[in-house]
Amino acid sequence: MRILVINNDGGGFADYVEVEAGLTVQKLFSRHVPHGVARDYLIRVNRQPTAPDQVLQEGDRVSFTPTKIEGAHAA
């Protein structure tokens, strides 16, 4: 099935990818952000925050946006 993946980490990218049926958000995150930790990202499916065990559907739009920016520190 085909979904849109938007990765807002670093330079960012967006592209349609083919994935197998039954793929969860967590597995997709692990593939596209292999060195990231899911708790440090706002993960959305179709613009809504989602659970890591949500199963993706044909045509879903998935975005990964970091909530922590490397090098930033609290004021």
PDB file of N, CA and C in Angstrom:
ATOM      1  N   MET A   1       0.839  -1.175   0.000  1.00  0.00           N
ATOM      2  CA  MET A   1       0.000   0.000   0.000  1.00  0.00           C
ATOM      3  C   MET A   1       0.884   1.239   0.000  1.00  0.00           C
ATOM      4  N   ARG A   2       0.330   2.349  -0.384  1.00  0.00           N
ATOM      5  CA  ARG A   2       1.100   3.589  -0.529  1.00  0.00           C
ATOM      6  C   ARG A   2       0.652   4.613   0.514  1.00  0.00           C
ATOM      7  N   ILE A   3       1.641   5.198   1.228  1.00  0.00           N
ATOM      8  CA  ILE A   3       1.363   6.239   2.204  1.00  0.00           C
ATOM      9  C   ILE A   3       2.333   7.398   1.979  1.00  0.00           C
ATOM     10  N   LEU A   4       1.997   8.558   2.521  1.00  0.00           N
ATOM     11  CA  LEU A   4       2.874   9.717   2.454  1.00  0.00           C
ATOM     12  C   LEU A   4       3.599   9.833   3.785  1.00  0.00           C
ATOM     13  N   VAL A   5       4.942   9.913   3.730  1.00  0.00           N
ATOM     14  CA  VAL A   5       5.749  10.076   4.941  1.00  0.00           C
ATOM     15  C   VAL A   5       6.393  11.450   4.895  1.00  0.00           C
ATOM     16  N   ILE A   6       6.194  12.224   5.968  1.00  0.00           N
ATOM     17  CA  ILE A   6       6.787  13.550   6.094  1.00  0.00           C
ATOM     18  C   ILE A   6       7.699  13.510   7.315  1.00  0.00           C
ATOM     19  N   ASN A   7       8.997  13.710   7.095  1.00  0.00           N
ATOM     20  CA  ASN A   7       9.968  13.709   8.178  1.00  0.00           C
ATOM     21  C   ASN A   7      10.473  15.135   8.339  1.00  0.00           C
ATOM     22  N   ASN A   8      10.113  15.776   9.446  1.00  0.00           N
ATOM     23  CA  ASN A   8      10.499  17.161   9.696  1.00  0.00           C
ATOM     24  C   ASN A   8      11.781  17.266  10.507  1.00  0.00           C
ATOM     25  N   ASP A   9      12.556  16.204  10.552  1.00  0.00           N
ATOM     26  CA  ASP A   9      13.803  16.176  11.305  1.00  0.00           C
ATOM     27  C   ASP A   9      14.948  16.682  10.436  1.00  0.00           C
ATOM     28  N   GLY A  10      15.759  17.579  10.961  1.00  0.00           N
ATOM     29  CA  GLY A  10      16.896  18.100  10.204  1.00  0.00           C
ATOM     30  C   GLY A  10      16.431  18.828   8.959  1.00  0.00           C
ATOM     31  N   GLY A  11      16.954  18.419   7.797  1.00  0.00           N
ATOM     32  CA  GLY A  11      16.569  19.037   6.529  1.00  0.00           C
ATOM     33  C   GLY A  11      15.164  18.680   6.108  1.00  0.00           C
ATOM     34  N   GLY A  12      14.643  17.568   6.626  1.00  0.00           N
ATOM     35  CA  GLY A  12      13.294  17.138   6.329  1.00  0.00           C
ATOM     36  C   GLY A  12      13.120  16.593   4.922  1.00  0.00           C
ATOM     37  N   PHE A  13      12.058  15.841   4.713  1.00  0.00           N
ATOM     38  CA  PHE A  13      11.698  15.337   3.398  1.00  0.00           C
ATOM     39  C   PHE A  13      10.254  14.860   3.443  1.00  0.00           C
ATOM     40  N   ALA A  14       9.671  14.721   2.294  1.00  0.00           N
ATOM     41  CA  ALA A  14       8.332  14.144   2.173  1.00  0.00           C
ATOM     42  C   ALA A  14       8.313  13.314   0.912  1.00  0.00           C
ATOM     43  N   ASP A  15       7.754  12.111   1.008  1.00  0.00           N
ATOM     44  CA  ASP A  15       7.683  11.255  -0.162  1.00  0.00           C
ATOM     45  C   ASP A  15       6.654  10.156   0.069  1.00  0.00           C
ATOM     46  N   TYR A  16       6.100   9.671  -1.019  1.00  0.00           N
ATOM     47  CA  TYR A  16       5.225   8.512  -0.955  1.00  0.00           C
ATOM     48  C   TYR A  16       6.095   7.263  -0.875  1.00  0.00           C
ATOM     49  N   VAL A  17       5.701   6.336  -0.011  1.00  0.00           N
ATOM     50  CA  VAL A  17       6.441   5.083   0.131  1.00  0.00           C
ATOM     51  C   VAL A  17       5.463   3.917   0.073  1.00  0.00           C
ATOM     52  N   GLU A  18       5.959   2.803  -0.405  1.00  0.00           N
ATOM     53  CA  GLU A  18       5.183   1.565  -0.419  1.00  0.00           C
ATOM     54  C   GLU A  18       5.515   0.787   0.843  1.00  0.00           C
ATOM     55  N   VAL A  19       4.489   0.379   1.579  1.00  0.00           N
ATOM     56  CA  VAL A  19       4.673  -0.403   2.802  1.00  0.00           C
ATOM     57  C   VAL A  19       3.720  -1.595   2.772  1.00  0.00           C
ATOM     58  N   GLU A  20       4.039  -2.585   3.584  1.00  0.00           N
ATOM     59  CA  GLU A  20       3.196  -3.767   3.646  1.00  0.00           C
ATOM     60  C   GLU A  20       1.965  -3.503   4.517  1.00  0.00           C
ATOM     61  N   ALA A  21       0.890  -4.192   4.230  1.00  0.00           N
ATOM     62  CA  ALA A  21      -0.328  -4.081   5.018  1.00  0.00           C
ATOM     63  C   ALA A  21      -0.038  -4.537   6.443  1.00  0.00           C
ATOM     64  N   GLY A  22      -0.678  -3.898   7.408  1.00  0.00           N
ATOM     65  CA  GLY A  22      -0.502  -4.273   8.803  1.00  0.00           C
ATOM     66  C   GLY A  22       0.654  -3.573   9.504  1.00  0.00           C
ATOM     67  N   LEU A  23       1.360  -2.681   8.792  1.00  0.00           N
ATOM     68  CA  LEU A  23       2.492  -1.976   9.385  1.00  0.00           C
ATOM     69  C   LEU A  23       1.998  -0.978  10.431  1.00  0.00           C
ATOM     70  N   THR A  24       2.676  -0.944  11.593  1.00  0.00           N
ATOM     71  CA  THR A  24       2.299  -0.009  12.646  1.00  0.00           C
ATOM     72  C   THR A  24       3.111   1.275  12.536  1.00  0.00           C
ATOM     73  N   VAL A  25       2.635   2.306  13.201  1.00  0.00           N
ATOM     74  CA  VAL A  25       3.320   3.592  13.226  1.00  0.00           C
ATOM     75  C   VAL A  25       4.726   3.424  13.808  1.00  0.00           C
ATOM     76  N   GLN A  26       4.867   2.630  14.884  1.00  0.00           N
ATOM     77  CA  GLN A  26       6.167   2.429  15.525  1.00  0.00           C
ATOM     78  C   GLN A  26       7.173   1.791  14.574  1.00  0.00           C
ATOM     79  N   LYS A  27       6.753   0.800  13.815  1.00  0.00           N
ATOM     80  CA  LYS A  27       7.661   0.140  12.867  1.00  0.00           C
ATOM     81  C   LYS A  27       8.070   1.106  11.757  1.00  0.00           C
ATOM     82  N   LEU A  28       7.137   1.910  11.281  1.00  0.00           N
ATOM     83  CA  LEU A  28       7.463   2.899  10.247  1.00  0.00           C
ATOM     84  C   LEU A  28       8.456   3.923  10.799  1.00  0.00           C
ATOM     85  N   PHE A  29       8.237   4.384  12.024  1.00  0.00           N
ATOM     86  CA  PHE A  29       9.149   5.337  12.652  1.00  0.00           C
ATOM     87  C   PHE A  29      10.558   4.743  12.734  1.00  0.00           C
ATOM     88  N   SER A  30      10.668   3.506  13.170  1.00  0.00           N
ATOM     89  CA  SER A  30      11.977   2.847  13.296  1.00  0.00           C
ATOM     90  C   SER A  30      12.702   2.766  11.961  1.00  0.00           C
ATOM     91  N   ARG A  31      11.976   2.618  10.894  1.00  0.00           N
ATOM     92  CA  ARG A  31      12.587   2.541   9.556  1.00  0.00           C
ATOM     93  C   ARG A  31      13.083   3.901   9.074  1.00  0.00           C
ATOM     94  N   HIS A  32      12.304   4.947   9.336  1.00  0.00           N
ATOM     95  CA  HIS A  32      12.612   6.259   8.774  1.00  0.00           C
ATOM     96  C   HIS A  32      13.415   7.164   9.697  1.00  0.00           C
ATOM     97  N   VAL A  33      13.422   6.861  10.988  1.00  0.00           N
ATOM     98  CA  VAL A  33      14.220   7.636  11.945  1.00  0.00           C
ATOM     99  C   VAL A  33      14.970   6.625  12.824  1.00  0.00           C
ATOM    100  N   PRO A  34      15.919   5.883  12.234  1.00  0.00           N
ATOM    101  CA  PRO A  34      16.543   4.759  12.947  1.00  0.00           C
ATOM    102  C   PRO A  34      17.301   5.157  14.212  1.00  0.00           C
ATOM    103  N   HIS A  35      17.791   6.369  14.292  1.00  0.00           N
ATOM    104  CA  HIS A  35      18.544   6.781  15.476  1.00  0.00           C
ATOM    105  C   HIS A  35      17.718   7.647  16.414  1.00  0.00           C
ATOM    106  N   GLY A  36      16.443   7.822  16.093  1.00  0.00           N
ATOM    107  CA  GLY A  36      15.574   8.658  16.915  1.00  0.00           C
ATOM    108  C   GLY A  36      14.873   7.859  17.995  1.00  0.00           C
ATOM    109  N   VAL A  37      14.359   8.566  18.977  1.00  0.00           N
ATOM    110  CA  VAL A  37      13.567   7.971  20.052  1.00  0.00           C
ATOM    111  C   VAL A  37      12.154   8.536  19.917  1.00  0.00           C
ATOM    112  N   ALA A  38      11.179   7.668  19.781  1.00  0.00           N
ATOM    113  CA  ALA A  38       9.808   8.090  19.485  1.00  0.00           C
ATOM    114  C   ALA A  38       9.274   9.122  20.479  1.00  0.00           C
ATOM    115  N   ARG A  39       9.652   9.034  21.749  1.00  0.00           N
ATOM    116  CA  ARG A  39       9.125   9.984  22.739  1.00  0.00           C
ATOM    117  C   ARG A  39       9.627  11.413  22.508  1.00  0.00           C
ATOM    118  N   ASP A  40      10.662  11.570  21.681  1.00  0.00           N
ATOM    119  CA  ASP A  40      11.198  12.893  21.357  1.00  0.00           C
ATOM    120  C   ASP A  40      10.574  13.486  20.090  1.00  0.00           C
ATOM    121  N   TYR A  41       9.518  12.854  19.582  1.00  0.00           N
ATOM    122  CA  TYR A  41       8.867  13.289  18.342  1.00  0.00           C
ATOM    123  C   TYR A  41       7.361  13.379  18.537  1.00  0.00           C
ATOM    124  N   LEU A  42       6.757  14.329  17.842  1.00  0.00           N
ATOM    125  CA  LEU A  42       5.311  14.370  17.721  1.00  0.00           C
ATOM    126  C   LEU A  42       5.003  13.579  16.450  1.00  0.00           C
ATOM    127  N   ILE A  43       4.321  12.467  16.611  1.00  0.00           N
ATOM    128  CA  ILE A  43       4.007  11.596  15.479  1.00  0.00           C
ATOM    129  C   ILE A  43       2.513  11.716  15.209  1.00  0.00           C
ATOM    130  N   ARG A  44       2.189  12.043  13.957  1.00  0.00           N
ATOM    131  CA  ARG A  44       0.789  12.227  13.572  1.00  0.00           C
ATOM    132  C   ARG A  44       0.451  11.360  12.361  1.00  0.00           C
ATOM    133  N   VAL A  45      -0.795  10.927  12.326  1.00  0.00           N
ATOM    134  CA  VAL A  45      -1.349  10.246  11.153  1.00  0.00           C
ATOM    135  C   VAL A  45      -2.569  11.053  10.741  1.00  0.00           C
ATOM    136  N   ASN A  46      -2.555  11.493   9.503  1.00  0.00           N
ATOM    137  CA  ASN A  46      -3.638  12.321   8.977  1.00  0.00           C
ATOM    138  C   ASN A  46      -3.895  13.543   9.857  1.00  0.00           C
ATOM    139  N   ARG A  47      -2.793  14.165  10.276  1.00  0.00           N
ATOM    140  CA  ARG A  47      -2.767  15.404  11.071  1.00  0.00           C
ATOM    141  C   ARG A  47      -3.242  15.255  12.507  1.00  0.00           C
ATOM    142  N   GLN A  48      -3.443  14.028  12.978  1.00  0.00           N
ATOM    143  CA  GLN A  48      -3.892  13.790  14.349  1.00  0.00           C
ATOM    144  C   GLN A  48      -2.816  13.024  15.116  1.00  0.00           C
ATOM    145  N   PRO A  49      -2.515  13.429  16.370  1.00  0.00           N
ATOM    146  CA  PRO A  49      -1.568  12.652  17.177  1.00  0.00           C
ATOM    147  C   PRO A  49      -2.039  11.202  17.255  1.00  0.00           C
ATOM    148  N   THR A  50      -1.097  10.275  17.306  1.00  0.00           N
ATOM    149  CA  THR A  50      -1.453   8.872  17.219  1.00  0.00           C
ATOM    150  C   THR A  50      -0.712   8.018  18.232  1.00  0.00           C
ATOM    151  N   ALA A  51      -1.205   6.830  18.432  1.00  0.00           N
ATOM    152  CA  ALA A  51      -0.542   5.844  19.292  1.00  0.00           C
ATOM    153  C   ALA A  51       0.456   5.047  18.456  1.00  0.00           C
ATOM    154  N   PRO A  52       1.539   4.570  19.072  1.00  0.00           N
ATOM    155  CA  PRO A  52       2.553   3.834  18.309  1.00  0.00           C
ATOM    156  C   PRO A  52       2.050   2.519  17.709  1.00  0.00           C
ATOM    157  N   ASP A  53       0.999   1.937  18.286  1.00  0.00           N
ATOM    158  CA  ASP A  53       0.525   0.650  17.768  1.00  0.00           C
ATOM    159  C   ASP A  53      -0.572   0.796  16.711  1.00  0.00           C
ATOM    160  N   GLN A  54      -0.866   2.025  16.289  1.00  0.00           N
ATOM    161  CA  GLN A  54      -1.879   2.218  15.243  1.00  0.00           C
ATOM    162  C   GLN A  54      -1.417   1.562  13.949  1.00  0.00           C
ATOM    163  N   VAL A  55      -2.306   0.818  13.323  1.00  0.00           N
ATOM    164  CA  VAL A  55      -2.011   0.162  12.048  1.00  0.00           C
ATOM    165  C   VAL A  55      -2.319   1.152  10.924  1.00  0.00           C
ATOM    166  N   LEU A  56      -1.375   1.301  10.027  1.00  0.00           N
ATOM    167  CA  LEU A  56      -1.521   2.254   8.929  1.00  0.00           C
ATOM    168  C   LEU A  56      -2.450   1.710   7.843  1.00  0.00           C
ATOM    169  N   GLN A  57      -3.123   2.646   7.167  1.00  0.00           N
ATOM    170  CA  GLN A  57      -4.062   2.309   6.101  1.00  0.00           C
ATOM    171  C   GLN A  57      -3.607   2.955   4.799  1.00  0.00           C
ATOM    172  N   GLU A  58      -4.057   2.416   3.680  1.00  0.00           N
ATOM    173  CA  GLU A  58      -3.777   2.978   2.364  1.00  0.00           C
ATOM    174  C   GLU A  58      -4.106   4.473   2.348  1.00  0.00           C
ATOM    175  N   GLY A  59      -3.162   5.284   1.860  1.00  0.00           N
ATOM    176  CA  GLY A  59      -3.391   6.713   1.712  1.00  0.00           C
ATOM    177  C   GLY A  59      -3.134   7.551   2.951  1.00  0.00           C
ATOM    178  N   ASP A  60      -2.727   6.924   4.061  1.00  0.00           N
ATOM    179  CA  ASP A  60      -2.441   7.701   5.271  1.00  0.00           C
ATOM    180  C   ASP A  60      -1.302   8.682   5.026  1.00  0.00           C
ATOM    181  N   ARG A  61      -1.332   9.769   5.799  1.00  0.00           N
ATOM    182  CA  ARG A  61      -0.278  10.785   5.779  1.00  0.00           C
ATOM    183  C   ARG A  61       0.359  10.770   7.166  1.00  0.00           C
ATOM    184  N   VAL A  62       1.634  10.384   7.252  1.00  0.00           N
ATOM    185  CA  VAL A  62       2.325  10.232   8.531  1.00  0.00           C
ATOM    186  C   VAL A  62       3.421  11.287   8.626  1.00  0.00           C
ATOM    187  N   SER A  63       3.481  11.998   9.762  1.00  0.00           N
ATOM    188  CA  SER A  63       4.540  12.997   9.935  1.00  0.00           C
ATOM    189  C   SER A  63       5.266  12.774  11.255  1.00  0.00           C
ATOM    190  N   PHE A  64       6.590  13.001  11.209  1.00  0.00           N
ATOM    191  CA  PHE A  64       7.460  12.904  12.382  1.00  0.00           C
ATOM    192  C   PHE A  64       8.084  14.278  12.594  1.00  0.00           C
ATOM    193  N   THR A  65       7.770  14.924  13.726  1.00  0.00           N
ATOM    194  CA  THR A  65       8.304  16.251  14.022  1.00  0.00           C
ATOM    195  C   THR A  65       9.014  16.198  15.373  1.00  0.00           C
ATOM    196  N   PRO A  66      10.308  16.523  15.404  1.00  0.00           N
ATOM    197  CA  PRO A  66      11.028  16.465  16.681  1.00  0.00           C
ATOM    198  C   PRO A  66      10.489  17.505  17.669  1.00  0.00           C
ATOM    199  N   THR A  67      10.401  17.117  18.937  1.00  0.00           N
ATOM    200  CA  THR A  67       9.994  18.054  19.981  1.00  0.00           C
ATOM    201  C   THR A  67      11.213  18.596  20.709  1.00  0.00           C
ATOM    202  N   LYS A  68      12.343  17.944  20.511  1.00  0.00           N
ATOM    203  CA  LYS A  68      13.611  18.399  21.090  1.00  0.00           C
ATOM    204  C   LYS A  68      14.554  18.695  19.943  1.00  0.00           C
ATOM    205  N   ILE A  69      15.174  19.858  19.981  1.00  0.00           N
ATOM    206  CA  ILE A  69      16.097  20.242  18.919  1.00  0.00           C
ATOM    207  C   ILE A  69      17.509  20.151  19.463  1.00  0.00           C
ATOM    208  N   GLU A  70      18.342  19.382  18.775  1.00  0.00           N
ATOM    209  CA  GLU A  70      19.718  19.163  19.230  1.00  0.00           C
ATOM    210  C   GLU A  70      20.450  20.492  19.366  1.00  0.00           C
ATOM    211  N   GLY A  71      21.110  20.669  20.486  1.00  0.00           N
ATOM    212  CA  GLY A  71      21.869  21.874  20.727  1.00  0.00           C
ATOM    213  C   GLY A  71      21.087  22.945  21.471  1.00  0.00           C
ATOM    214  N   ALA A  72      19.778  22.817  21.527  1.00  0.00           N
ATOM    215  CA  ALA A  72      18.955  23.799  22.228  1.00  0.00           C
ATOM    216  C   ALA A  72      18.997  23.513  23.732  1.00  0.00           C
ATOM    217  N   HIS A  73      18.874  24.534  24.536  1.00  0.00           N
ATOM    218  CA  HIS A  73      18.839  24.339  25.983  1.00  0.00           C
ATOM    219  C   HIS A  73      17.768  25.238  26.570  1.00  0.00           C
ATOM    220  N   ALA A  74      17.320  24.857  27.746  1.00  0.00           N
ATOM    221  CA  ALA A  74      16.258  25.614  28.421  1.00  0.00           C
ATOM    222  C   ALA A  74      16.784  26.967  28.874  1.00  0.00           C
ATOM    223  N   ALA A  75      15.953  27.969  28.812  1.00  0.00           N
ATOM    224  CA  ALA A  75      16.344  29.315  29.235  1.00  0.00           C
ATOM    225  C   ALA A  75      16.377  29.445  30.730  1.00  0.00           C
TER     226      ALA A  75
END
